[in-house]
Amino acid sequence: MTQPTASPGFSPRTACPVCEGTDLVRVYTAPYDEDPVRALMQSNFGRQGVIDWSLLAGVPFEVDKCRTCDLLFQVQTPNDAMLEVIYTQMISPEFLDHYERGLLTLHEFHRIAGEFTVLFEMIGKHPADITVLDFGVGQGRWARVARGMGATVYVTEIGEAKKRLARTLGLEVIEDEDIDTMTFDLVHTEQVLEHLVHPGRDFARLARAVAPGGLFKAAIPYRGKLEQLLKTKGLPTEAMFATGGAKAIPGETEAFASIQPLEHLNAFSQATIDWLAAHNGLKKVSEVRRRSISVETSDARALVRGAKKVGVELVKAAMKPKIGYHILQRS
């Protein structure tokens, strides 16, 4: 087992990174540099950048389960130098820029604005009076919409290039430690918590930053029956997004993606989120990603498309599908 050094490497998490419990059970283990982990890695990162396999030689891919809070987590976590390799070489900035730019569409803006409309209505303030923290802003796909709707949006990010981009979008860039002295009406985490080395610690800090009556949005990959799948089938050899994303693949492959090697270090269940909420003064108010719908009225076809959108939202409200979406509120 490798130990943390100044060079790219890994260090083990010997206690649960959410609840700090030590009642753990090993769910899965396999070498990084052998199939199926190697094939899965090649499927995922091969199209995004370059994999230096020498950095993974002899490193085990291990998944443990915490019997206290039900978290599934990768035991071996990348150190800072390894994270730099992952997010600058294995996922090239050029690939990420191209991917994110492809998502800046009218459809995506409508979708995000519809969700923020619901969240802002739950907060109950005029948009101009709402403060948002987008933790891990990335390319600003969500934050720029919230700002366009009138909110004051604060953001954090680790990369200088992303910070510069955020400033050009009119977002308020703050340092990570600033969170500890501020409060926000909405703490927004969209596909972020699964990447954190210390999710319990960071969740607690973010929860303390939620203003009274404010909301904490935690959108994470839905793990489904991941534990059972790892025990019975092991990892797949093809990554979810190599086959077109969640809409193009069976549900079990989506579950596997919740523990994607090197990236998704934590796979949360509903019980894990419930534990986090209960221990941080929050209550769960929704598990459904609801959106307001804008309907184009230019012609009959547009009205039909709008009616279909409304129908989808009504079905979601009735069925309440589990998708790894949690809205928590500070009382």
C-alpha atoms as a PDB file:
ATOM      1  CA  MET A   1       0.000   0.000   0.000  1.00  0.00           C
ATOM      2  CA  THR A   2       1.480   3.339  -1.032  1.00  0.00           C
ATOM      3  CA  GLN A   3       1.904   6.179   1.447  1.00  0.00           C
ATOM      4  CA  PRO A   4       1.368   9.903   0.853  1.00  0.00           C
ATOM      5  CA  THR A   5       4.435  11.733  -0.508  1.00  0.00           C
ATOM      6  CA  ALA A   6       5.205  14.967  -2.328  1.00  0.00           C
ATOM      7  CA  SER A   7       5.033  12.989  -5.573  1.00  0.00           C
ATOM      8  CA  PRO A   8       1.756  11.795  -7.134  1.00  0.00           C
ATOM      9  CA  GLY A   9       0.425   9.009  -4.979  1.00  0.00           C
ATOM     10  CA  PHE A  10      -2.317   7.788  -2.665  1.00  0.00           C
ATOM     11  CA  SER A  11      -3.130   7.625   1.020  1.00  0.00           C
ATOM     12  CA  PRO A  12      -5.651   5.311   2.694  1.00  0.00           C
ATOM     13  CA  ARG A  13      -8.788   6.380   4.514  1.00  0.00           C
ATOM     14  CA  THR A  14      -8.834   4.053   7.514  1.00  0.00           C
ATOM     15  CA  ALA A  15     -12.041   5.474   9.010  1.00  0.00           C
ATOM     16  CA  CYS A  16     -15.305   6.515   7.394  1.00  0.00           C
ATOM     17  CA  PRO A  17     -14.817   9.978   5.842  1.00  0.00           C
ATOM     18  CA  VAL A  18     -18.407  10.942   6.697  1.00  0.00           C
ATOM     19  CA  CYS A  19     -19.000   9.815  10.294  1.00  0.00           C
ATOM     20  CA  GLU A  20     -15.425   8.850  11.284  1.00  0.00           C
ATOM     21  CA  GLY A  21     -16.678   5.402  12.234  1.00  0.00           C
ATOM     22  CA  THR A  22     -14.371   2.388  12.126  1.00  0.00           C
ATOM     23  CA  ASP A  23     -17.004  -0.333  11.768  1.00  0.00           C
ATOM     24  CA  LEU A  24     -16.078  -0.978   8.145  1.00  0.00           C
ATOM     25  CA  VAL A  25     -16.397  -3.913   5.777  1.00  0.00           C
ATOM     26  CA  ARG A  26     -14.495  -4.446   2.530  1.00  0.00           C
ATOM     27  CA  VAL A  27     -16.925  -4.621  -0.402  1.00  0.00           C
ATOM     28  CA  TYR A  28     -14.547  -4.811  -3.365  1.00  0.00           C
ATOM     29  CA  THR A  29     -10.846  -4.870  -4.208  1.00  0.00           C
ATOM     30  CA  ALA A  30      -8.885  -5.193  -7.460  1.00  0.00           C
ATOM     31  CA  PRO A  31      -5.598  -3.786  -8.837  1.00  0.00           C
ATOM     32  CA  TYR A  32      -5.751  -0.484 -10.709  1.00  0.00           C
ATOM     33  CA  ASP A  33      -3.379  -1.704 -13.408  1.00  0.00           C
ATOM     34  CA  GLU A  34      -5.291  -4.906 -14.229  1.00  0.00           C
ATOM     35  CA  ASP A  35      -8.724  -5.514 -15.753  1.00  0.00           C
ATOM     36  CA  PRO A  36     -11.502  -4.777 -15.020  1.00  0.00           C
ATOM     37  CA  VAL A  37     -10.284  -1.573 -13.331  1.00  0.00           C
ATOM     38  CA  ARG A  38      -7.701  -0.848 -16.030  1.00  0.00           C
ATOM     39  CA  ALA A  39     -10.244  -1.336 -18.839  1.00  0.00           C
ATOM     40  CA  LEU A  40     -12.779   0.864 -17.050  1.00  0.00           C
ATOM     41  CA  MET A  41     -10.156   3.563 -16.542  1.00  0.00           C
ATOM     42  CA  GLN A  42      -9.130   3.415 -20.194  1.00  0.00           C
ATOM     43  CA  SER A  43     -12.764   3.663 -21.264  1.00  0.00           C
ATOM     44  CA  ASN A  44     -13.308   6.719 -19.083  1.00  0.00           C
ATOM     45  CA  PHE A  45     -10.047   8.669 -19.300  1.00  0.00           C
ATOM     46  CA  GLY A  46      -8.723   7.454 -22.648  1.00  0.00           C
ATOM     47  CA  ARG A  47     -10.956   9.867 -24.553  1.00  0.00           C
ATOM     48  CA  GLN A  48     -10.287  12.759 -22.165  1.00  0.00           C
ATOM     49  CA  GLY A  49      -6.510  12.842 -21.798  1.00  0.00           C
ATOM     50  CA  VAL A  50      -3.469  10.672 -21.076  1.00  0.00           C
ATOM     51  CA  ILE A  51      -3.133   8.009 -18.368  1.00  0.00           C
ATOM     52  CA  ASP A  52       0.288   7.500 -16.763  1.00  0.00           C
ATOM     53  CA  TRP A  53      -0.065   3.873 -15.740  1.00  0.00           C
ATOM     54  CA  SER A  54       3.222   3.939 -13.830  1.00  0.00           C
ATOM     55  CA  LEU A  55       1.488   6.050 -11.173  1.00  0.00           C
ATOM     56  CA  LEU A  56      -1.102   3.308 -10.653  1.00  0.00           C
ATOM     57  CA  ALA A  57       1.202   0.280 -10.599  1.00  0.00           C
ATOM     58  CA  GLY A  58       0.661  -1.761  -7.459  1.00  0.00           C
ATOM     59  CA  VAL A  59      -2.147   0.467  -6.178  1.00  0.00           C
ATOM     60  CA  PRO A  60      -5.311  -1.386  -5.109  1.00  0.00           C
ATOM     61  CA  PHE A  61      -8.765  -0.089  -5.960  1.00  0.00           C
ATOM     62  CA  GLU A  62     -10.609  -0.755  -2.713  1.00  0.00           C
ATOM     63  CA  VAL A  63     -14.187   0.015  -1.696  1.00  0.00           C
ATOM     64  CA  ASP A  64     -15.306  -0.124   1.937  1.00  0.00           C
ATOM     65  CA  LYS A  65     -18.754   0.242   3.471  1.00  0.00           C
ATOM     66  CA  CYS A  66     -19.411   2.053   6.738  1.00  0.00           C
ATOM     67  CA  ARG A  67     -21.914   0.153   8.865  1.00  0.00           C
ATOM     68  CA  THR A  68     -22.723   3.317  10.828  1.00  0.00           C
ATOM     69  CA  CYS A  69     -23.783   5.785   8.106  1.00  0.00           C
ATOM     70  CA  ASP A  70     -23.986   3.429   5.079  1.00  0.00           C
ATOM     71  CA  LEU A  71     -21.391   5.278   2.974  1.00  0.00           C
ATOM     72  CA  LEU A  72     -19.509   3.339   0.301  1.00  0.00           C
ATOM     73  CA  PHE A  73     -16.098   4.890  -0.302  1.00  0.00           C
ATOM     74  CA  GLN A  74     -12.799   4.393  -2.074  1.00  0.00           C
ATOM     75  CA  VAL A  75     -10.141   3.616   0.512  1.00  0.00           C
ATOM     76  CA  GLN A  76      -7.142   4.846  -1.494  1.00  0.00           C
ATOM     77  CA  THR A  77      -7.458   8.581  -2.193  1.00  0.00           C
ATOM     78  CA  PRO A  78      -5.254  10.692  -4.482  1.00  0.00           C
ATOM     79  CA  ASN A  79      -2.916  13.165  -2.797  1.00  0.00           C
ATOM     80  CA  ASP A  80      -2.732  16.752  -4.041  1.00  0.00           C
ATOM     81  CA  ALA A  81      -0.031  15.950  -6.586  1.00  0.00           C
ATOM     82  CA  MET A  82      -2.072  13.042  -7.942  1.00  0.00           C
ATOM     83  CA  LEU A  83      -5.195  15.191  -8.119  1.00  0.00           C
ATOM     84  CA  GLU A  84      -3.201  17.641 -10.232  1.00  0.00           C
ATOM     85  CA  VAL A  85      -2.330  14.790 -12.607  1.00  0.00           C
ATOM     86  CA  ILE A  86      -5.942  13.626 -12.777  1.00  0.00           C
ATOM     87  CA  TYR A  87      -7.457  17.026 -13.513  1.00  0.00           C
ATOM     88  CA  THR A  88      -4.779  18.423 -15.839  1.00  0.00           C
ATOM     89  CA  GLN A  89      -3.479  15.360 -17.695  1.00  0.00           C
ATOM     90  CA  MET A  90      -5.989  12.525 -17.428  1.00  0.00           C
ATOM     91  CA  ILE A  91      -8.799  15.051 -17.937  1.00  0.00           C
ATOM     92  CA  SER A  92      -7.275  17.671 -20.198  1.00  0.00           C
ATOM     93  CA  PRO A  93      -8.452  21.292 -19.856  1.00  0.00           C
ATOM     94  CA  GLU A  94      -9.122  21.341 -23.599  1.00  0.00           C
ATOM     95  CA  PHE A  95     -11.447  18.343 -23.355  1.00  0.00           C
ATOM     96  CA  LEU A  96     -13.259  19.810 -20.357  1.00  0.00           C
ATOM     97  CA  ASP A  97     -13.682  23.208 -22.016  1.00  0.00           C
ATOM     98  CA  HIS A  98     -15.107  21.580 -25.149  1.00  0.00           C
ATOM     99  CA  TYR A  99     -17.448  19.386 -23.093  1.00  0.00           C
ATOM    100  CA  GLU A 100     -18.741  22.233 -20.928  1.00  0.00           C
ATOM    101  CA  ARG A 101     -19.156  24.554 -23.887  1.00  0.00           C
ATOM    102  CA  GLY A 102     -21.358  21.931 -25.510  1.00  0.00           C
ATOM    103  CA  LEU A 103     -23.683  22.135 -22.498  1.00  0.00           C
ATOM    104  CA  LEU A 104     -24.212  25.895 -22.760  1.00  0.00           C
ATOM    105  CA  THR A 105     -27.426  25.480 -24.735  1.00  0.00           C
ATOM    106  CA  LEU A 106     -30.839  27.126 -24.549  1.00  0.00           C
ATOM    107  CA  HIS A 107     -32.327  23.832 -23.395  1.00  0.00           C
ATOM    108  CA  GLU A 108     -29.793  23.600 -20.567  1.00  0.00           C
ATOM    109  CA  PHE A 109     -30.323  27.216 -19.503  1.00  0.00           C
ATOM    110  CA  HIS A 110     -34.111  26.674 -19.422  1.00  0.00           C
ATOM    111  CA  ARG A 111     -33.635  23.507 -17.364  1.00  0.00           C
ATOM    112  CA  ILE A 112     -31.339  25.151 -14.817  1.00  0.00           C
ATOM    113  CA  ALA A 113     -33.436  28.323 -14.576  1.00  0.00           C
ATOM    114  CA  GLY A 114     -36.532  26.200 -13.984  1.00  0.00           C
ATOM    115  CA  GLU A 115     -34.862  24.446 -11.068  1.00  0.00           C
ATOM    116  CA  PHE A 116     -33.582  27.686  -9.535  1.00  0.00           C
ATOM    117  CA  THR A 117     -37.091  29.145  -9.848  1.00  0.00           C
ATOM    118  CA  VAL A 118     -38.417  26.355  -7.625  1.00  0.00           C
ATOM    119  CA  LEU A 119     -35.570  26.740  -5.124  1.00  0.00           C
ATOM    120  CA  PHE A 120     -35.890  30.538  -4.977  1.00  0.00           C
ATOM    121  CA  GLU A 121     -39.629  30.206  -4.381  1.00  0.00           C
ATOM    122  CA  MET A 122     -38.907  27.805  -1.504  1.00  0.00           C
ATOM    123  CA  ILE A 123     -36.534  30.378   0.005  1.00  0.00           C
ATOM    124  CA  GLY A 124     -39.294  32.985  -0.270  1.00  0.00           C
ATOM    125  CA  LYS A 125     -37.213  36.063  -1.016  1.00  0.00           C
ATOM    126  CA  HIS A 126     -36.958  38.416  -3.965  1.00  0.00           C
ATOM    127  CA  PRO A 127     -34.192  37.056  -6.229  1.00  0.00           C
ATOM    128  CA  ALA A 128     -32.151  40.235  -5.731  1.00  0.00           C
ATOM    129  CA  ASP A 129     -32.069  39.516  -1.988  1.00  0.00           C
ATOM    130  CA  ILE A 130     -30.953  35.893  -2.337  1.00  0.00           C
ATOM    131  CA  THR A 131     -27.337  34.865  -1.757  1.00  0.00           C
ATOM    132  CA  VAL A 132     -26.039  31.648  -3.305  1.00  0.00           C
ATOM    133  CA  LEU A 133     -22.841  29.707  -2.684  1.00  0.00           C
ATOM    134  CA  ASP A 134     -21.907  27.494  -5.625  1.00  0.00           C
ATOM    135  CA  PHE A 135     -19.329  25.197  -4.040  1.00  0.00           C
ATOM    136  CA  GLY A 136     -17.039  23.952  -6.796  1.00  0.00           C
ATOM    137  CA  VAL A 137     -18.290  26.236  -9.581  1.00  0.00           C
ATOM    138  CA  GLY A 138     -16.419  24.545 -12.421  1.00  0.00           C
ATOM    139  CA  GLN A 139     -17.172  26.354 -15.668  1.00  0.00           C
ATOM    140  CA  GLY A 140     -20.060  28.238 -14.061  1.00  0.00           C
ATOM    141  CA  ARG A 141     -22.889  26.510 -15.903  1.00  0.00           C
ATOM    142  CA  TRP A 142     -25.217  26.763 -12.886  1.00  0.00           C
ATOM    143  CA  ALA A 143     -23.835  29.892 -11.243  1.00  0.00           C
ATOM    144  CA  ARG A 144     -24.179  32.085 -14.316  1.00  0.00           C
ATOM    145  CA  VAL A 145     -27.893  31.265 -14.525  1.00  0.00           C
ATOM    146  CA  ALA A 146     -28.510  32.068 -10.857  1.00  0.00           C
ATOM    147  CA  ARG A 147     -26.739  35.388 -11.293  1.00  0.00           C
ATOM    148  CA  GLY A 148     -28.755  36.114 -14.439  1.00  0.00           C
ATOM    149  CA  MET A 149     -31.915  35.606 -12.377  1.00  0.00           C
ATOM    150  CA  GLY A 150     -30.810  38.341  -9.970  1.00  0.00           C
ATOM    151  CA  ALA A 151     -29.149  36.476  -7.099  1.00  0.00           C
ATOM    152  CA  THR A 152     -25.761  37.382  -5.669  1.00  0.00           C
ATOM    153  CA  VAL A 153     -23.634  34.321  -6.366  1.00  0.00           C
ATOM    154  CA  TYR A 154     -20.457  33.450  -4.476  1.00  0.00           C
ATOM    155  CA  VAL A 155     -18.287  30.647  -5.811  1.00  0.00           C
ATOM    156  CA  THR A 156     -15.295  28.538  -4.834  1.00  0.00           C
ATOM    157  CA  GLU A 157     -12.920  26.627  -7.075  1.00  0.00           C
ATOM    158  CA  ILE A 158      -9.375  25.276  -6.824  1.00  0.00           C
ATOM    159  CA  GLY A 159      -8.118  26.159 -10.318  1.00  0.00           C
ATOM    160  CA  GLU A 160      -6.939  29.681 -11.157  1.00  0.00           C
ATOM    161  CA  ALA A 161      -8.268  29.450 -14.723  1.00  0.00           C
ATOM    162  CA  LYS A 162     -11.747  28.639 -13.431  1.00  0.00           C
ATOM    163  CA  LYS A 163     -11.539  31.486 -10.925  1.00  0.00           C
ATOM    164  CA  ARG A 164     -10.666  33.910 -13.723  1.00  0.00           C
ATOM    165  CA  LEU A 165     -13.586  32.640 -15.792  1.00  0.00           C
ATOM    166  CA  ALA A 166     -15.939  33.057 -12.826  1.00  0.00           C
ATOM    167  CA  ARG A 167     -14.907  36.675 -12.395  1.00  0.00           C
ATOM    168  CA  THR A 168     -15.592  37.418 -16.064  1.00  0.00           C
ATOM    169  CA  LEU A 169     -19.120  36.048 -15.512  1.00  0.00           C
ATOM    170  CA  GLY A 170     -19.758  38.514 -12.689  1.00  0.00           C
ATOM    171  CA  LEU A 171     -19.508  35.898  -9.947  1.00  0.00           C
ATOM    172  CA  GLU A 172     -18.063  36.663  -6.509  1.00  0.00           C
ATOM    173  CA  VAL A 173     -15.003  34.427  -6.125  1.00  0.00           C
ATOM    174  CA  ILE A 174     -14.160  33.636  -2.497  1.00  0.00           C
ATOM    175  CA  GLU A 175     -11.526  31.441  -0.896  1.00  0.00           C
ATOM    176  CA  ASP A 176     -12.498  28.171   0.733  1.00  0.00           C
ATOM    177  CA  GLU A 177     -11.801  29.465   4.249  1.00  0.00           C
ATOM    178  CA  ASP A 178     -14.181  32.405   3.686  1.00  0.00           C
ATOM    179  CA  ILE A 179     -17.098  29.976   3.880  1.00  0.00           C
ATOM    180  CA  ASP A 180     -16.538  29.630   7.624  1.00  0.00           C
ATOM    181  CA  THR A 181     -17.414  33.301   8.237  1.00  0.00           C
ATOM    182  CA  MET A 182     -20.369  33.658   5.838  1.00  0.00           C
ATOM    183  CA  THR A 183     -23.966  32.467   5.471  1.00  0.00           C
ATOM    184  CA  PHE A 184     -26.035  31.939   2.332  1.00  0.00           C
ATOM    185  CA  ASP A 185     -29.686  31.435   1.459  1.00  0.00           C
ATOM    186  CA  LEU A 186     -28.739  28.567  -0.845  1.00  0.00           C
ATOM    187  CA  VAL A 187     -25.673  26.351  -0.599  1.00  0.00           C
ATOM    188  CA  HIS A 188     -25.481  24.648  -3.983  1.00  0.00           C
ATOM    189  CA  THR A 189     -23.497  21.462  -4.641  1.00  0.00           C
ATOM    190  CA  GLU A 190     -24.111  19.874  -8.038  1.00  0.00           C
ATOM    191  CA  GLN A 191     -22.102  16.659  -8.523  1.00  0.00           C
ATOM    192  CA  VAL A 192     -19.403  17.759  -6.056  1.00  0.00           C
ATOM    193  CA  LEU A 193     -19.678  15.835  -2.775  1.00  0.00           C
ATOM    194  CA  GLU A 194     -18.719  12.531  -4.389  1.00  0.00           C
ATOM    195  CA  HIS A 195     -15.292  13.964  -5.287  1.00  0.00           C
ATOM    196  CA  LEU A 196     -14.278  15.099  -1.787  1.00  0.00           C
ATOM    197  CA  VAL A 197     -11.555  13.399   0.239  1.00  0.00           C
ATOM    198  CA  HIS A 198     -13.174  14.658   3.480  1.00  0.00           C
ATOM    199  CA  PRO A 199     -16.924  14.753   2.692  1.00  0.00           C
ATOM    200  CA  GLY A 200     -18.116  14.697   6.305  1.00  0.00           C
ATOM    201  CA  ARG A 201     -15.912  17.599   7.341  1.00  0.00           C
ATOM    202  CA  ASP A 202     -16.770  19.664   4.273  1.00  0.00           C
ATOM    203  CA  PHE A 203     -20.497  18.907   4.523  1.00  0.00           C
ATOM    204  CA  ALA A 204     -20.483  20.154   8.128  1.00  0.00           C
ATOM    205  CA  ARG A 205     -18.769  23.388   7.101  1.00  0.00           C
ATOM    206  CA  LEU A 206     -21.258  23.951   4.299  1.00  0.00           C
ATOM    207  CA  ALA A 207     -24.202  23.153   6.578  1.00  0.00           C
ATOM    208  CA  ARG A 208     -23.049  25.798   9.052  1.00  0.00           C
ATOM    209  CA  ALA A 209     -23.032  28.298   6.177  1.00  0.00           C
ATOM    210  CA  VAL A 210     -26.757  27.797   5.474  1.00  0.00           C
ATOM    211  CA  ALA A 211     -28.709  30.801   6.778  1.00  0.00           C
ATOM    212  CA  PRO A 212     -31.795  30.212   8.979  1.00  0.00           C
ATOM    213  CA  GLY A 213     -34.571  29.040   6.672  1.00  0.00           C
ATOM    214  CA  GLY A 214     -32.047  28.552   3.880  1.00  0.00           C
ATOM    215  CA  LEU A 215     -31.492  25.513   1.672  1.00  0.00           C
ATOM    216  CA  PHE A 216     -28.653  23.074   1.036  1.00  0.00           C
ATOM    217  CA  LYS A 217     -28.849  21.332  -2.328  1.00  0.00           C
ATOM    218  CA  ALA A 218     -26.889  18.078  -2.574  1.00  0.00           C
ATOM    219  CA  ALA A 219     -27.045  16.512  -6.043  1.00  0.00           C
ATOM    220  CA  ILE A 220     -24.924  13.360  -6.205  1.00  0.00           C
ATOM    221  CA  PRO A 221     -24.703  10.256  -8.402  1.00  0.00           C
ATOM    222  CA  TYR A 222     -27.434   7.769  -7.503  1.00  0.00           C
ATOM    223  CA  ARG A 223     -25.742   4.612  -6.275  1.00  0.00           C
ATOM    224  CA  GLY A 224     -28.766   2.336  -6.442  1.00  0.00           C
ATOM    225  CA  LYS A 225     -27.772  -1.302  -5.792  1.00  0.00           C
ATOM    226  CA  LEU A 226     -24.052  -0.601  -6.065  1.00  0.00           C
ATOM    227  CA  GLU A 227     -23.032  -2.726  -3.075  1.00  0.00           C
ATOM    228  CA  GLN A 228     -24.850  -5.776  -4.400  1.00  0.00           C
ATOM    229  CA  LEU A 229     -23.488  -5.226  -7.919  1.00  0.00           C
ATOM    230  CA  LEU A 230     -19.886  -4.948  -6.742  1.00  0.00           C
ATOM    231  CA  LYS A 231     -20.218  -8.166  -4.761  1.00  0.00           C
ATOM    232  CA  THR A 232     -21.891 -10.170  -7.532  1.00  0.00           C
ATOM    233  CA  LYS A 233     -20.507  -8.714 -10.768  1.00  0.00           C
ATOM    234  CA  GLY A 234     -17.492  -6.605  -9.896  1.00  0.00           C
ATOM    235  CA  LEU A 235     -16.665  -3.459 -11.848  1.00  0.00           C
ATOM    236  CA  PRO A 236     -17.687  -3.156 -15.514  1.00  0.00           C
ATOM    237  CA  THR A 237     -15.062  -2.591 -18.210  1.00  0.00           C
ATOM    238  CA  GLU A 238     -16.836   0.315 -19.888  1.00  0.00           C
ATOM    239  CA  ALA A 239     -17.494   3.718 -18.334  1.00  0.00           C
ATOM    240  CA  MET A 240     -20.972   5.221 -18.249  1.00  0.00           C
ATOM    241  CA  PHE A 241     -20.209   8.307 -20.309  1.00  0.00           C
ATOM    242  CA  ALA A 242     -18.286   6.314 -22.890  1.00  0.00           C
ATOM    243  CA  THR A 243     -21.660   4.915 -23.970  1.00  0.00           C
ATOM    244  CA  GLY A 244     -23.557   8.188 -24.184  1.00  0.00           C
ATOM    245  CA  GLY A 245     -24.317   9.007 -20.580  1.00  0.00           C
ATOM    246  CA  ALA A 246     -27.053   8.064 -18.151  1.00  0.00           C
ATOM    247  CA  LYS A 247     -29.869   8.138 -20.712  1.00  0.00           C
ATOM    248  CA  ALA A 248     -28.154   5.595 -22.957  1.00  0.00           C
ATOM    249  CA  ILE A 249     -27.281   2.935 -20.402  1.00  0.00           C
ATOM    250  CA  PRO A 250     -28.914   0.467 -18.007  1.00  0.00           C
ATOM    251  CA  GLY A 251     -29.525   1.561 -14.446  1.00  0.00           C
ATOM    252  CA  GLU A 252     -26.854  -0.719 -13.000  1.00  0.00           C
ATOM    253  CA  THR A 253     -24.127   0.971 -15.049  1.00  0.00           C
ATOM    254  CA  GLU A 254     -25.271   4.303 -13.648  1.00  0.00           C
ATOM    255  CA  ALA A 255     -24.863   2.822 -10.168  1.00  0.00           C
ATOM    256  CA  PHE A 256     -21.301   1.759 -10.995  1.00  0.00           C
ATOM    257  CA  ALA A 257     -20.543   5.332 -12.078  1.00  0.00           C
ATOM    258  CA  SER A 258     -21.201   6.516  -8.527  1.00  0.00           C
ATOM    259  CA  ILE A 259     -17.865   4.960  -7.497  1.00  0.00           C
ATOM    260  CA  GLN A 260     -15.881   5.849 -10.661  1.00  0.00           C
ATOM    261  CA  PRO A 261     -12.183   5.137  -9.898  1.00  0.00           C
ATOM    262  CA  LEU A 262     -10.091   8.217  -8.987  1.00  0.00           C
ATOM    263  CA  GLU A 263     -13.036  10.614  -9.376  1.00  0.00           C
ATOM    264  CA  HIS A 264     -16.100   9.535  -7.395  1.00  0.00           C
ATOM    265  CA  LEU A 265     -14.489   8.756  -4.069  1.00  0.00           C
ATOM    266  CA  ASN A 266     -17.773   8.561  -2.136  1.00  0.00           C
ATOM    267  CA  ALA A 267     -21.078   6.862  -2.963  1.00  0.00           C
ATOM    268  CA  PHE A 268     -23.891   8.154  -0.756  1.00  0.00           C
ATOM    269  CA  SER A 269     -27.121   6.344   0.013  1.00  0.00           C
ATOM    270  CA  GLN A 270     -30.312   7.951   1.252  1.00  0.00           C
ATOM    271  CA  ALA A 271     -29.344   6.756   4.732  1.00  0.00           C
ATOM    272  CA  THR A 272     -25.978   8.528   4.457  1.00  0.00           C
ATOM    273  CA  ILE A 273     -27.620  11.834   3.550  1.00  0.00           C
ATOM    274  CA  ASP A 274     -30.130  11.367   6.363  1.00  0.00           C
ATOM    275  CA  TRP A 275     -27.221  10.843   8.789  1.00  0.00           C
ATOM    276  CA  LEU A 276     -25.468  13.974   7.540  1.00  0.00           C
ATOM    277  CA  ALA A 277     -28.632  16.060   7.783  1.00  0.00           C
ATOM    278  CA  ALA A 278     -29.481  14.866  11.298  1.00  0.00           C
ATOM    279  CA  HIS A 279     -25.965  15.549  12.593  1.00  0.00           C
ATOM    280  CA  ASN A 280     -25.759  19.017  11.041  1.00  0.00           C
ATOM    281  CA  GLY A 281     -29.052  20.651  12.009  1.00  0.00           C
ATOM    282  CA  LEU A 282     -30.786  20.162   8.653  1.00  0.00           C
ATOM    283  CA  LYS A 283     -34.035  18.502   7.621  1.00  0.00           C
ATOM    284  CA  LYS A 284     -34.812  16.956   4.260  1.00  0.00           C
ATOM    285  CA  VAL A 285     -37.616  18.719   2.396  1.00  0.00           C
ATOM    286  CA  SER A 286     -37.407  17.171  -1.079  1.00  0.00           C
ATOM    287  CA  GLU A 287     -35.812  14.341  -3.068  1.00  0.00           C
ATOM    288  CA  VAL A 288     -37.328  15.332  -6.422  1.00  0.00           C
ATOM    289  CA  ARG A 289     -35.562  17.616  -8.886  1.00  0.00           C
ATOM    290  CA  ARG A 290     -38.518  19.875  -9.650  1.00  0.00           C
ATOM    291  CA  ARG A 291     -38.517  22.634 -12.263  1.00  0.00           C
ATOM    292  CA  SER A 292     -40.838  25.350 -13.423  1.00  0.00           C
ATOM    293  CA  ILE A 293     -41.560  25.025 -17.143  1.00  0.00           C
ATOM    294  CA  SER A 294     -41.520  27.749 -19.779  1.00  0.00           C
ATOM    295  CA  VAL A 295     -43.884  27.041 -22.671  1.00  0.00           C
ATOM    296  CA  GLU A 296     -43.354  28.512 -26.123  1.00  0.00           C
ATOM    297  CA  THR A 297     -46.624  29.677 -27.682  1.00  0.00           C
ATOM    298  CA  SER A 298     -45.472  30.495 -31.212  1.00  0.00           C
ATOM    299  CA  ASP A 299     -47.311  27.573 -32.846  1.00  0.00           C
ATOM    300  CA  ALA A 300     -49.176  24.349 -32.156  1.00  0.00           C
ATOM    301  CA  ARG A 301     -46.046  22.181 -32.208  1.00  0.00           C
ATOM    302  CA  ALA A 302     -44.396  24.382 -29.614  1.00  0.00           C
ATOM    303  CA  LEU A 303     -47.465  24.082 -27.399  1.00  0.00           C
ATOM    304  CA  VAL A 304     -47.362  20.287 -27.715  1.00  0.00           C
ATOM    305  CA  ARG A 305     -43.691  20.261 -26.711  1.00  0.00           C
ATOM    306  CA  GLY A 306     -44.550  22.435 -23.727  1.00  0.00           C
ATOM    307  CA  ALA A 307     -47.375  20.120 -22.727  1.00  0.00           C
ATOM    308  CA  LYS A 308     -44.975  17.162 -22.822  1.00  0.00           C
ATOM    309  CA  LYS A 309     -42.584  19.000 -20.509  1.00  0.00           C
ATOM    310  CA  VAL A 310     -45.402  19.690 -18.070  1.00  0.00           C
ATOM    311  CA  GLY A 311     -46.404  16.032 -18.225  1.00  0.00           C
ATOM    312  CA  VAL A 312     -42.884  14.900 -17.367  1.00  0.00           C
ATOM    313  CA  GLU A 313     -42.786  17.174 -14.317  1.00  0.00           C
ATOM    314  CA  LEU A 314     -46.198  15.928 -13.150  1.00  0.00           C
ATOM    315  CA  VAL A 315     -45.031  12.310 -13.422  1.00  0.00           C
ATOM    316  CA  LYS A 316     -41.877  13.118 -11.450  1.00  0.00           C
ATOM    317  CA  ALA A 317     -43.936  14.819  -8.741  1.00  0.00           C
ATOM    318  CA  ALA A 318     -46.221  11.787  -8.492  1.00  0.00           C
ATOM    319  CA  MET A 319     -43.601   9.011  -8.699  1.00  0.00           C
ATOM    320  CA  LYS A 320     -40.814  10.783  -6.764  1.00  0.00           C
ATOM    321  CA  PRO A 321     -37.990   8.905  -8.502  1.00  0.00           C
ATOM    322  CA  LYS A 322     -34.760   8.341  -6.573  1.00  0.00           C
ATOM    323  CA  ILE A 323     -31.984  10.092  -8.484  1.00  0.00           C
ATOM    324  CA  GLY A 324     -29.510  11.214  -5.812  1.00  0.00           C
ATOM    325  CA  TYR A 325     -31.108  14.633  -5.354  1.00  0.00           C
ATOM    326  CA  HIS A 326     -31.617  16.089  -1.885  1.00  0.00           C
ATOM    327  CA  ILE A 327     -32.894  19.472  -0.717  1.00  0.00           C
ATOM    328  CA  LEU A 328     -32.169  20.106   2.955  1.00  0.00           C
ATOM    329  CA  GLN A 329     -33.308  23.072   5.031  1.00  0.00           C
ATOM    330  CA  ARG A 330     -31.966  24.877   8.063  1.00  0.00           C
ATOM    331  CA  SER A 331     -34.734  25.360  10.628  1.00  0.00           C
END
